[in-house]
Amino acid sequence: MLLARHHDAATFRTGALSHLGSILRFPALVWANRYMVQNFLRRDLMSRVHGSMLGVWWILLQPLFLFAIYYVVFGYFLGKAADPSEAFAVYLFSGVIVFHSLTEATGQSCNIIVDNGNLVKKVAFPAEVLLVHVALVSMVIYLVGAVVLFFGAWLSGASQPGWLLLAMPLVMLVQFTLTLGLGLLLSNLHVFLRDTAQLWRLVTMAWMFLSPVFWSVKDLKGDGTTPPKVPLVVLEWMQMLNPAWPLIQAQRLALGAQGEQFGSFWPQLGTAAAWAVGLLLVGYSVFMSRKHKFSDLI
């Protein structure tokens, strides 16, 4: 069931801040349109496996393939050790599945409004709800990889899961919120600038290599005998301005990673949550302040 609404151009508030308070009604709007979200979610997931020989295994195959390539390149070709350990494999794969789900969802979000122009042009259609199922699909993809990672790390002894594993749903909630906020920003921007999708692919590529996916903070800081590979002030700014950094580290800590380089779980999760909520507030308010122009531009 869709909520009936109307639009009055004379009284419509175009300022982003004026729409900030309406985010409190967003969960109710999603719930009212839950069947639509379910249908979109089911259709998206089924389209990935329909008619294929491997079926649902394709959801896992791509991150596994990326992991294998990165593991060979960074573990053997560029690694210091001749035989990279299981701990490095777990470290690498944990970062890959987070970024794979982020780039998958945000890349799809760029085109979601334009691709559903026939729906968006309907006055009663809540376009902002379209981004919910995209974020949910990314969480399904992430969860499949996280389950494989958990059992692989546990059986190999590369991690020691503890009570923090119970906080894993909170990590996933933060990741969902971050994905939704970025999706709202990108989908809105793509309506006005059709280069957004291509530009975002370049941004995510740089974003991934500037995040602790392949490398660790300990490696960049150096030890007592070797100088730091990156100036400490640069490293601090990389960490401060990167919303994926605390999210990746919080996920690793929840899955049982050990080491000073990961920091403490709750501060990392709190920083990631602050980024997620901030981006959601900005993304939602900007989206709502510009959605009245969508039907004229798509």
C-alpha atoms as a PDB file:
ATOM      1  CA  MET A   1       0.000   0.000   0.000  1.00  0.00           C
ATOM      2  CA  LEU A   2       1.308   3.430  -0.981  1.00  0.00           C
ATOM      3  CA  LEU A   3       0.707   6.552   1.013  1.00  0.00           C
ATOM      4  CA  ALA A   4      -1.260   9.145  -0.964  1.00  0.00           C
ATOM      5  CA  ARG A   5       0.477  12.488  -1.082  1.00  0.00           C
ATOM      6  CA  HIS A   6       0.306  15.691  -3.065  1.00  0.00           C
ATOM      7  CA  HIS A   7       2.789  18.344  -4.147  1.00  0.00           C
ATOM      8  CA  ASP A   8       2.244  22.077  -4.043  1.00  0.00           C
ATOM      9  CA  ALA A   9       5.040  23.966  -5.795  1.00  0.00           C
ATOM     10  CA  ALA A  10       4.011  27.244  -4.181  1.00  0.00           C
ATOM     11  CA  THR A  11       4.446  26.004  -0.624  1.00  0.00           C
ATOM     12  CA  PHE A  12       7.129  23.355  -1.115  1.00  0.00           C
ATOM     13  CA  ARG A  13      10.234  23.920   1.016  1.00  0.00           C
ATOM     14  CA  THR A  14      13.401  23.671  -1.098  1.00  0.00           C
ATOM     15  CA  GLY A  15      15.923  24.055   1.727  1.00  0.00           C
ATOM     16  CA  ALA A  16      17.593  20.821   2.799  1.00  0.00           C
ATOM     17  CA  LEU A  17      17.466  21.701   6.496  1.00  0.00           C
ATOM     18  CA  SER A  18      13.715  22.193   6.365  1.00  0.00           C
ATOM     19  CA  HIS A  19      13.308  18.490   5.499  1.00  0.00           C
ATOM     20  CA  LEU A  20      15.599  17.203   8.215  1.00  0.00           C
ATOM     21  CA  GLY A  21      12.830  16.683  10.755  1.00  0.00           C
ATOM     22  CA  SER A  22      10.778  14.534   8.393  1.00  0.00           C
ATOM     23  CA  ILE A  23      13.378  11.762   8.682  1.00  0.00           C
ATOM     24  CA  LEU A  24      11.600  10.738  11.882  1.00  0.00           C
ATOM     25  CA  ARG A  25       8.683   9.649   9.684  1.00  0.00           C
ATOM     26  CA  PHE A  26      10.922   7.712   7.326  1.00  0.00           C
ATOM     27  CA  PRO A  27      10.755   4.381   9.230  1.00  0.00           C
ATOM     28  CA  ALA A  28       6.945   4.584   9.226  1.00  0.00           C
ATOM     29  CA  LEU A  29       6.995   5.287   5.493  1.00  0.00           C
ATOM     30  CA  VAL A  30       9.202   2.258   4.878  1.00  0.00           C
ATOM     31  CA  TRP A  31       6.915   0.099   6.999  1.00  0.00           C
ATOM     32  CA  ALA A  32       3.833   1.329   5.139  1.00  0.00           C
ATOM     33  CA  ASN A  33       5.514   0.340   1.869  1.00  0.00           C
ATOM     34  CA  ARG A  34       7.127  -2.838   3.203  1.00  0.00           C
ATOM     35  CA  TYR A  35       5.504  -5.087   0.616  1.00  0.00           C
ATOM     36  CA  MET A  36       6.946  -2.983  -2.176  1.00  0.00           C
ATOM     37  CA  VAL A  37      10.385  -3.164  -0.529  1.00  0.00           C
ATOM     38  CA  GLN A  38      10.031  -6.949  -0.205  1.00  0.00           C
ATOM     39  CA  ASN A  39       9.079  -7.300  -3.862  1.00  0.00           C
ATOM     40  CA  PHE A  40      12.010  -5.192  -5.008  1.00  0.00           C
ATOM     41  CA  LEU A  41      14.345  -7.130  -2.716  1.00  0.00           C
ATOM     42  CA  ARG A  42      13.092 -10.488  -3.982  1.00  0.00           C
ATOM     43  CA  ARG A  43      13.263  -9.376  -7.607  1.00  0.00           C
ATOM     44  CA  ASP A  44      16.804  -8.056  -7.225  1.00  0.00           C
ATOM     45  CA  LEU A  45      18.094 -11.202  -5.561  1.00  0.00           C
ATOM     46  CA  MET A  46      16.338 -13.534  -8.000  1.00  0.00           C
ATOM     47  CA  SER A  47      17.618 -11.599 -11.020  1.00  0.00           C
ATOM     48  CA  ARG A  48      21.162 -12.387  -9.916  1.00  0.00           C
ATOM     49  CA  VAL A  49      20.646 -16.139 -10.061  1.00  0.00           C
ATOM     50  CA  HIS A  50      17.787 -16.636 -12.544  1.00  0.00           C
ATOM     51  CA  GLY A  51      18.768 -18.966 -15.360  1.00  0.00           C
ATOM     52  CA  SER A  52      22.331 -19.461 -14.114  1.00  0.00           C
ATOM     53  CA  MET A  53      23.991 -22.799 -13.441  1.00  0.00           C
ATOM     54  CA  LEU A  54      25.493 -21.810 -10.097  1.00  0.00           C
ATOM     55  CA  GLY A  55      22.375 -20.082  -8.794  1.00  0.00           C
ATOM     56  CA  VAL A  56      22.785 -18.420  -5.399  1.00  0.00           C
ATOM     57  CA  TRP A  57      26.478 -19.319  -5.346  1.00  0.00           C
ATOM     58  CA  TRP A  58      27.106 -16.330  -7.609  1.00  0.00           C
ATOM     59  CA  ILE A  59      26.458 -14.083  -4.616  1.00  0.00           C
ATOM     60  CA  LEU A  60      29.553 -15.573  -2.976  1.00  0.00           C
ATOM     61  CA  LEU A  61      31.649 -16.189  -6.078  1.00  0.00           C
ATOM     62  CA  GLN A  62      32.500 -12.555  -6.866  1.00  0.00           C
ATOM     63  CA  PRO A  63      33.918 -11.609  -3.433  1.00  0.00           C
ATOM     64  CA  LEU A  64      35.773 -14.939  -3.334  1.00  0.00           C
ATOM     65  CA  PHE A  65      37.282 -14.220  -6.737  1.00  0.00           C
ATOM     66  CA  LEU A  66      38.321 -10.722  -5.659  1.00  0.00           C
ATOM     67  CA  PHE A  67      39.802 -12.163  -2.476  1.00  0.00           C
ATOM     68  CA  ALA A  68      41.809 -14.764  -4.437  1.00  0.00           C
ATOM     69  CA  ILE A  69      43.249 -12.127  -6.781  1.00  0.00           C
ATOM     70  CA  TYR A  70      44.143  -9.720  -3.986  1.00  0.00           C
ATOM     71  CA  TYR A  71      45.560 -12.519  -1.839  1.00  0.00           C
ATOM     72  CA  VAL A  72      47.918 -13.666  -4.588  1.00  0.00           C
ATOM     73  CA  VAL A  73      48.984 -10.140  -5.542  1.00  0.00           C
ATOM     74  CA  PHE A  74      49.357  -8.635  -2.063  1.00  0.00           C
ATOM     75  CA  GLY A  75      50.231 -11.825  -0.205  1.00  0.00           C
ATOM     76  CA  TYR A  76      52.703 -13.468  -2.583  1.00  0.00           C
ATOM     77  CA  PHE A  77      53.791 -10.961  -5.227  1.00  0.00           C
ATOM     78  CA  LEU A  78      54.061  -7.928  -2.949  1.00  0.00           C
ATOM     79  CA  GLY A  79      54.129  -9.608   0.460  1.00  0.00           C
ATOM     80  CA  LYS A  80      57.141  -9.840   2.714  1.00  0.00           C
ATOM     81  CA  ALA A  81      56.633 -13.482   3.634  1.00  0.00           C
ATOM     82  CA  ALA A  82      57.060 -16.356   1.218  1.00  0.00           C
ATOM     83  CA  ASP A  83      54.061 -18.095   2.698  1.00  0.00           C
ATOM     84  CA  PRO A  84      51.320 -15.663   3.812  1.00  0.00           C
ATOM     85  CA  SER A  85      49.520 -16.900   6.889  1.00  0.00           C
ATOM     86  CA  GLU A  86      45.853 -17.655   7.467  1.00  0.00           C
ATOM     87  CA  ALA A  87      45.681 -14.502   9.574  1.00  0.00           C
ATOM     88  CA  PHE A  88      46.522 -12.382   6.522  1.00  0.00           C
ATOM     89  CA  ALA A  89      43.889 -14.209   4.478  1.00  0.00           C
ATOM     90  CA  VAL A  90      41.236 -13.488   7.113  1.00  0.00           C
ATOM     91  CA  TYR A  91      42.386  -9.871   7.406  1.00  0.00           C
ATOM     92  CA  LEU A  92      42.176  -9.392   3.655  1.00  0.00           C
ATOM     93  CA  PHE A  93      38.853 -11.146   3.118  1.00  0.00           C
ATOM     94  CA  SER A  94      37.187  -9.248   5.966  1.00  0.00           C
ATOM     95  CA  GLY A  95      38.037  -5.965   4.266  1.00  0.00           C
ATOM     96  CA  VAL A  96      37.061  -7.214   0.807  1.00  0.00           C
ATOM     97  CA  ILE A  97      33.527  -8.266   1.787  1.00  0.00           C
ATOM     98  CA  VAL A  98      32.819  -4.902   3.440  1.00  0.00           C
ATOM     99  CA  PHE A  99      33.982  -2.925   0.444  1.00  0.00           C
ATOM    100  CA  HIS A 100      32.358  -5.266  -2.047  1.00  0.00           C
ATOM    101  CA  SER A 101      28.963  -4.768  -0.418  1.00  0.00           C
ATOM    102  CA  LEU A 102      29.497  -0.992  -0.151  1.00  0.00           C
ATOM    103  CA  THR A 103      30.520  -0.542  -3.780  1.00  0.00           C
ATOM    104  CA  GLU A 104      27.810  -2.918  -4.991  1.00  0.00           C
ATOM    105  CA  ALA A 105      25.048  -0.966  -3.264  1.00  0.00           C
ATOM    106  CA  THR A 106      26.310   2.561  -3.857  1.00  0.00           C
ATOM    107  CA  GLY A 107      27.030   1.827  -7.512  1.00  0.00           C
ATOM    108  CA  GLN A 108      23.484   0.555  -8.010  1.00  0.00           C
ATOM    109  CA  SER A 109      22.079   3.495  -6.056  1.00  0.00           C
ATOM    110  CA  CYS A 110      23.458   5.948  -8.610  1.00  0.00           C
ATOM    111  CA  ASN A 111      21.002   4.737 -11.257  1.00  0.00           C
ATOM    112  CA  ILE A 112      18.046   3.691  -9.108  1.00  0.00           C
ATOM    113  CA  ILE A 113      15.972   6.856  -9.620  1.00  0.00           C
ATOM    114  CA  VAL A 114      16.681   7.156 -13.334  1.00  0.00           C
ATOM    115  CA  ASP A 115      16.029   3.454 -13.960  1.00  0.00           C
ATOM    116  CA  ASN A 116      12.663   3.661 -12.181  1.00  0.00           C
ATOM    117  CA  GLY A 117      11.531   6.880 -13.797  1.00  0.00           C
ATOM    118  CA  ASN A 118       8.065   5.481 -14.586  1.00  0.00           C
ATOM    119  CA  LEU A 119       7.462   5.040 -10.854  1.00  0.00           C
ATOM    120  CA  VAL A 120       9.173   8.202  -9.675  1.00  0.00           C
ATOM    121  CA  LYS A 121       6.989  10.327 -11.942  1.00  0.00           C
ATOM    122  CA  LYS A 122       3.923   9.225 -10.016  1.00  0.00           C
ATOM    123  CA  VAL A 123       3.090  11.860  -7.400  1.00  0.00           C
ATOM    124  CA  ALA A 124       2.068   9.301  -4.775  1.00  0.00           C
ATOM    125  CA  PHE A 125       5.241   7.227  -5.110  1.00  0.00           C
ATOM    126  CA  PRO A 126       7.796   7.609  -2.265  1.00  0.00           C
ATOM    127  CA  ALA A 127      11.037   7.632  -4.276  1.00  0.00           C
ATOM    128  CA  GLU A 128      13.194   7.661  -1.152  1.00  0.00           C
ATOM    129  CA  VAL A 129      11.999   4.142  -0.278  1.00  0.00           C
ATOM    130  CA  LEU A 130      13.641   2.775  -3.439  1.00  0.00           C
ATOM    131  CA  LEU A 131      17.035   2.991  -1.757  1.00  0.00           C
ATOM    132  CA  VAL A 132      16.035   0.695   1.121  1.00  0.00           C
ATOM    133  CA  HIS A 133      15.985  -2.538  -0.853  1.00  0.00           C
ATOM    134  CA  VAL A 134      19.340  -1.677  -2.470  1.00  0.00           C
ATOM    135  CA  ALA A 135      20.943  -1.382   0.974  1.00  0.00           C
ATOM    136  CA  LEU A 136      19.225  -4.606   2.076  1.00  0.00           C
ATOM    137  CA  VAL A 137      20.588  -6.522  -0.918  1.00  0.00           C
ATOM    138  CA  SER A 138      24.096  -5.357  -0.053  1.00  0.00           C
ATOM    139  CA  MET A 139      23.626  -6.621   3.495  1.00  0.00           C
ATOM    140  CA  VAL A 140      22.580 -10.049   2.195  1.00  0.00           C
ATOM    141  CA  ILE A 141      25.737 -10.153   0.071  1.00  0.00           C
ATOM    142  CA  TYR A 142      27.836  -9.076   3.035  1.00  0.00           C
ATOM    143  CA  LEU A 143      26.212 -11.603   5.380  1.00  0.00           C
ATOM    144  CA  VAL A 144      26.991 -14.516   3.049  1.00  0.00           C
ATOM    145  CA  GLY A 145      30.645 -13.519   2.976  1.00  0.00           C
ATOM    146  CA  ALA A 146      30.744 -12.854   6.721  1.00  0.00           C
ATOM    147  CA  VAL A 147      29.397 -16.335   7.521  1.00  0.00           C
ATOM    148  CA  VAL A 148      32.048 -17.962   5.329  1.00  0.00           C
ATOM    149  CA  LEU A 149      34.709 -15.743   6.875  1.00  0.00           C
ATOM    150  CA  PHE A 150      33.625 -16.557  10.419  1.00  0.00           C
ATOM    151  CA  PHE A 151      33.752 -20.320  10.001  1.00  0.00           C
ATOM    152  CA  GLY A 152      36.949 -20.224   7.940  1.00  0.00           C
ATOM    153  CA  ALA A 153      38.741 -18.028  10.496  1.00  0.00           C
ATOM    154  CA  TRP A 154      37.423 -20.049  13.415  1.00  0.00           C
ATOM    155  CA  LEU A 155      38.398 -23.448  11.986  1.00  0.00           C
ATOM    156  CA  SER A 156      41.847 -22.229  10.934  1.00  0.00           C
ATOM    157  CA  GLY A 157      42.482 -20.586  14.305  1.00  0.00           C
ATOM    158  CA  ALA A 158      43.159 -17.215  12.681  1.00  0.00           C
ATOM    159  CA  SER A 159      40.615 -15.509  14.947  1.00  0.00           C
ATOM    160  CA  GLN A 160      39.183 -16.078  18.388  1.00  0.00           C
ATOM    161  CA  PRO A 161      35.494 -15.083  18.456  1.00  0.00           C
ATOM    162  CA  GLY A 162      34.218 -13.902  21.813  1.00  0.00           C
ATOM    163  CA  TRP A 163      31.318 -11.997  23.281  1.00  0.00           C
ATOM    164  CA  LEU A 164      31.798  -9.193  20.771  1.00  0.00           C
ATOM    165  CA  LEU A 165      30.338 -11.494  18.159  1.00  0.00           C
ATOM    166  CA  LEU A 166      26.941 -10.715  19.703  1.00  0.00           C
ATOM    167  CA  ALA A 167      27.459  -7.097  18.624  1.00  0.00           C
ATOM    168  CA  MET A 168      27.717  -8.104  14.972  1.00  0.00           C
ATOM    169  CA  PRO A 169      24.079  -7.068  14.272  1.00  0.00           C
ATOM    170  CA  LEU A 170      24.991  -3.564  15.453  1.00  0.00           C
ATOM    171  CA  VAL A 171      27.896  -3.491  13.003  1.00  0.00           C
ATOM    172  CA  MET A 172      25.561  -4.548  10.209  1.00  0.00           C
ATOM    173  CA  LEU A 173      23.009  -1.908  11.222  1.00  0.00           C
ATOM    174  CA  VAL A 174      25.704   0.773  11.044  1.00  0.00           C
ATOM    175  CA  GLN A 175      26.790  -0.503   7.643  1.00  0.00           C
ATOM    176  CA  PHE A 176      23.179  -0.496   6.410  1.00  0.00           C
ATOM    177  CA  THR A 177      22.727   3.098   7.611  1.00  0.00           C
ATOM    178  CA  LEU A 178      25.966   4.214   5.963  1.00  0.00           C
ATOM    179  CA  THR A 179      24.976   2.523   2.696  1.00  0.00           C
ATOM    180  CA  LEU A 180      21.518   4.084   2.763  1.00  0.00           C
ATOM    181  CA  GLY A 181      22.878   7.572   3.437  1.00  0.00           C
ATOM    182  CA  LEU A 182      25.429   7.346   0.619  1.00  0.00           C
ATOM    183  CA  GLY A 183      22.783   5.879  -1.674  1.00  0.00           C
ATOM    184  CA  LEU A 184      20.429   8.794  -1.099  1.00  0.00           C
ATOM    185  CA  LEU A 185      23.201  11.273  -1.855  1.00  0.00           C
ATOM    186  CA  LEU A 186      24.403   9.510  -5.005  1.00  0.00           C
ATOM    187  CA  SER A 187      20.970   8.764  -6.464  1.00  0.00           C
ATOM    188  CA  ASN A 188      19.969  12.397  -6.058  1.00  0.00           C
ATOM    189  CA  LEU A 189      23.214  13.654  -7.588  1.00  0.00           C
ATOM    190  CA  HIS A 190      22.960  11.289 -10.569  1.00  0.00           C
ATOM    191  CA  VAL A 191      19.631  12.808 -11.604  1.00  0.00           C
ATOM    192  CA  PHE A 192      21.320  16.184 -12.075  1.00  0.00           C
ATOM    193  CA  LEU A 193      24.781  14.961 -13.138  1.00  0.00           C
ATOM    194  CA  ARG A 194      24.759  11.770 -15.221  1.00  0.00           C
ATOM    195  CA  ASP A 195      28.519  11.369 -14.836  1.00  0.00           C
ATOM    196  CA  THR A 196      28.014  10.474 -11.171  1.00  0.00           C
ATOM    197  CA  ALA A 197      28.033   6.703 -11.697  1.00  0.00           C
ATOM    198  CA  GLN A 198      31.317   6.762 -13.641  1.00  0.00           C
ATOM    199  CA  LEU A 199      32.936   9.193 -11.220  1.00  0.00           C
ATOM    200  CA  TRP A 200      31.841   7.118  -8.247  1.00  0.00           C
ATOM    201  CA  ARG A 201      33.568   4.018  -9.662  1.00  0.00           C
ATOM    202  CA  LEU A 202      36.838   5.948  -9.648  1.00  0.00           C
ATOM    203  CA  VAL A 203      36.188   7.289  -6.152  1.00  0.00           C
ATOM    204  CA  THR A 204      35.450   3.836  -4.713  1.00  0.00           C
ATOM    205  CA  MET A 205      38.616   2.440  -6.276  1.00  0.00           C
ATOM    206  CA  ALA A 206      40.723   5.101  -4.563  1.00  0.00           C
ATOM    207  CA  TRP A 207      38.643   4.765  -1.387  1.00  0.00           C
ATOM    208  CA  MET A 208      39.364   1.049  -1.160  1.00  0.00           C
ATOM    209  CA  PHE A 209      43.133   1.456  -1.537  1.00  0.00           C
ATOM    210  CA  LEU A 210      43.157   4.256   1.046  1.00  0.00           C
ATOM    211  CA  SER A 211      41.399   2.008   3.571  1.00  0.00           C
ATOM    212  CA  PRO A 212      42.979  -0.782   5.654  1.00  0.00           C
ATOM    213  CA  VAL A 213      41.845  -3.575   3.359  1.00  0.00           C
ATOM    214  CA  PHE A 214      45.167  -4.834   1.982  1.00  0.00           C
ATOM    215  CA  TRP A 215      47.537  -3.099   4.324  1.00  0.00           C
ATOM    216  CA  SER A 216      47.560  -2.601   8.073  1.00  0.00           C
ATOM    217  CA  VAL A 217      48.303   0.458  10.175  1.00  0.00           C
ATOM    218  CA  LYS A 218      51.217  -1.405  11.738  1.00  0.00           C
ATOM    219  CA  ASP A 219      52.865  -1.868   8.342  1.00  0.00           C
ATOM    220  CA  LEU A 220      52.579   1.828   7.454  1.00  0.00           C
ATOM    221  CA  LYS A 221      53.856   3.052  10.808  1.00  0.00           C
ATOM    222  CA  GLY A 222      56.985   0.941  10.523  1.00  0.00           C
ATOM    223  CA  ASP A 223      58.952  -0.495  13.401  1.00  0.00           C
ATOM    224  CA  GLY A 224      61.891   0.801  15.360  1.00  0.00           C
ATOM    225  CA  THR A 225      64.390  -0.068  12.630  1.00  0.00           C
ATOM    226  CA  THR A 226      62.520   1.284   9.594  1.00  0.00           C
ATOM    227  CA  PRO A 227      60.980   4.721   9.089  1.00  0.00           C
ATOM    228  CA  PRO A 228      57.218   5.078   8.591  1.00  0.00           C
ATOM    229  CA  LYS A 229      56.048   4.524   5.016  1.00  0.00           C
ATOM    230  CA  VAL A 230      53.478   7.277   5.456  1.00  0.00           C
ATOM    231  CA  PRO A 231      53.893  10.358   7.683  1.00  0.00           C
ATOM    232  CA  LEU A 232      51.918   9.863  10.862  1.00  0.00           C
ATOM    233  CA  VAL A 233      49.973  13.077  10.347  1.00  0.00           C
ATOM    234  CA  VAL A 234      48.855  11.837   6.913  1.00  0.00           C
ATOM    235  CA  LEU A 235      47.861   8.505   8.402  1.00  0.00           C
ATOM    236  CA  GLU A 236      45.808  10.259  11.074  1.00  0.00           C
ATOM    237  CA  TRP A 237      43.974  12.321   8.467  1.00  0.00           C
ATOM    238  CA  MET A 238      43.343   9.194   6.362  1.00  0.00           C
ATOM    239  CA  GLN A 239      41.736   7.580   9.364  1.00  0.00           C
ATOM    240  CA  MET A 240      39.804  10.671  10.441  1.00  0.00           C
ATOM    241  CA  LEU A 241      38.242  11.362   7.031  1.00  0.00           C
ATOM    242  CA  ASN A 242      37.441   7.777   6.049  1.00  0.00           C
ATOM    243  CA  PRO A 243      34.008   6.457   7.169  1.00  0.00           C
ATOM    244  CA  ALA A 244      34.892   2.916   6.059  1.00  0.00           C
ATOM    245  CA  TRP A 245      37.974   2.735   8.299  1.00  0.00           C
ATOM    246  CA  PRO A 246      36.228   2.317  11.690  1.00  0.00           C
ATOM    247  CA  LEU A 247      33.534   0.133  10.103  1.00  0.00           C
ATOM    248  CA  ILE A 248      36.077  -2.368   8.779  1.00  0.00           C
ATOM    249  CA  GLN A 249      37.975  -2.458  12.062  1.00  0.00           C
ATOM    250  CA  ALA A 250      34.786  -2.863  14.122  1.00  0.00           C
ATOM    251  CA  GLN A 251      33.757  -5.781  11.937  1.00  0.00           C
ATOM    252  CA  ARG A 252      37.149  -7.452  12.368  1.00  0.00           C
ATOM    253  CA  LEU A 253      37.019  -7.022  16.134  1.00  0.00           C
ATOM    254  CA  ALA A 254      33.482  -8.430  16.292  1.00  0.00           C
ATOM    255  CA  LEU A 255      34.644 -11.508  14.383  1.00  0.00           C
ATOM    256  CA  GLY A 256      37.473 -12.108  16.830  1.00  0.00           C
ATOM    257  CA  ALA A 257      40.499 -10.350  15.330  1.00  0.00           C
ATOM    258  CA  GLN A 258      43.262  -9.674  17.828  1.00  0.00           C
ATOM    259  CA  GLY A 259      45.802  -6.851  17.818  1.00  0.00           C
ATOM    260  CA  GLU A 260      46.469  -3.318  18.922  1.00  0.00           C
ATOM    261  CA  GLN A 261      46.235  -2.084  15.321  1.00  0.00           C
ATOM    262  CA  PHE A 262      42.452  -2.619  15.291  1.00  0.00           C
ATOM    263  CA  GLY A 263      41.827  -0.308  18.245  1.00  0.00           C
ATOM    264  CA  SER A 264      38.951  -0.827  20.684  1.00  0.00           C
ATOM    265  CA  PHE A 265      35.637  -2.131  19.424  1.00  0.00           C
ATOM    266  CA  TRP A 266      33.178   0.362  20.929  1.00  0.00           C
ATOM    267  CA  PRO A 267      35.114   3.511  19.956  1.00  0.00           C
ATOM    268  CA  GLN A 268      35.479   2.159  16.425  1.00  0.00           C
ATOM    269  CA  LEU A 269      31.791   1.289  16.221  1.00  0.00           C
ATOM    270  CA  GLY A 270      30.832   4.663  17.698  1.00  0.00           C
ATOM    271  CA  THR A 271      32.901   6.524  15.103  1.00  0.00           C
ATOM    272  CA  ALA A 272      31.414   4.436  12.301  1.00  0.00           C
ATOM    273  CA  ALA A 273      27.898   5.072  13.661  1.00  0.00           C
ATOM    274  CA  ALA A 274      28.539   8.831  13.792  1.00  0.00           C
ATOM    275  CA  TRP A 275      29.596   8.774  10.132  1.00  0.00           C
ATOM    276  CA  ALA A 276      26.586   6.643   9.184  1.00  0.00           C
ATOM    277  CA  VAL A 277      24.013   8.800  10.960  1.00  0.00           C
ATOM    278  CA  GLY A 278      25.600  11.998   9.667  1.00  0.00           C
ATOM    279  CA  LEU A 279      25.584  10.797   6.064  1.00  0.00           C
ATOM    280  CA  LEU A 280      22.006   9.555   6.415  1.00  0.00           C
ATOM    281  CA  LEU A 281      20.816  12.926   7.705  1.00  0.00           C
ATOM    282  CA  VAL A 282      22.605  14.786   4.917  1.00  0.00           C
ATOM    283  CA  GLY A 283      21.587  12.322   2.224  1.00  0.00           C
ATOM    284  CA  TYR A 284      17.944  12.222   3.254  1.00  0.00           C
ATOM    285  CA  SER A 285      17.499  15.991   3.654  1.00  0.00           C
ATOM    286  CA  VAL A 286      19.191  16.769   0.320  1.00  0.00           C
ATOM    287  CA  PHE A 287      17.204  14.044  -1.433  1.00  0.00           C
ATOM    288  CA  MET A 288      13.873  15.291  -0.095  1.00  0.00           C
ATOM    289  CA  SER A 289      14.655  18.912  -0.965  1.00  0.00           C
ATOM    290  CA  ARG A 290      15.326  18.016  -4.624  1.00  0.00           C
ATOM    291  CA  LYS A 291      12.935  15.142  -5.334  1.00  0.00           C
ATOM    292  CA  HIS A 292      10.268  17.496  -6.700  1.00  0.00           C
ATOM    293  CA  LYS A 293      12.545  18.080  -9.709  1.00  0.00           C
ATOM    294  CA  PHE A 294      13.094  14.403 -10.528  1.00  0.00           C
ATOM    295  CA  SER A 295      10.066  13.961 -12.796  1.00  0.00           C
ATOM    296  CA  ASP A 296      11.228  16.817 -15.033  1.00  0.00           C
ATOM    297  CA  LEU A 297      14.777  15.474 -15.423  1.00  0.00           C
ATOM    298  CA  ILE A 298      14.349  11.716 -15.907  1.00  0.00           C
END
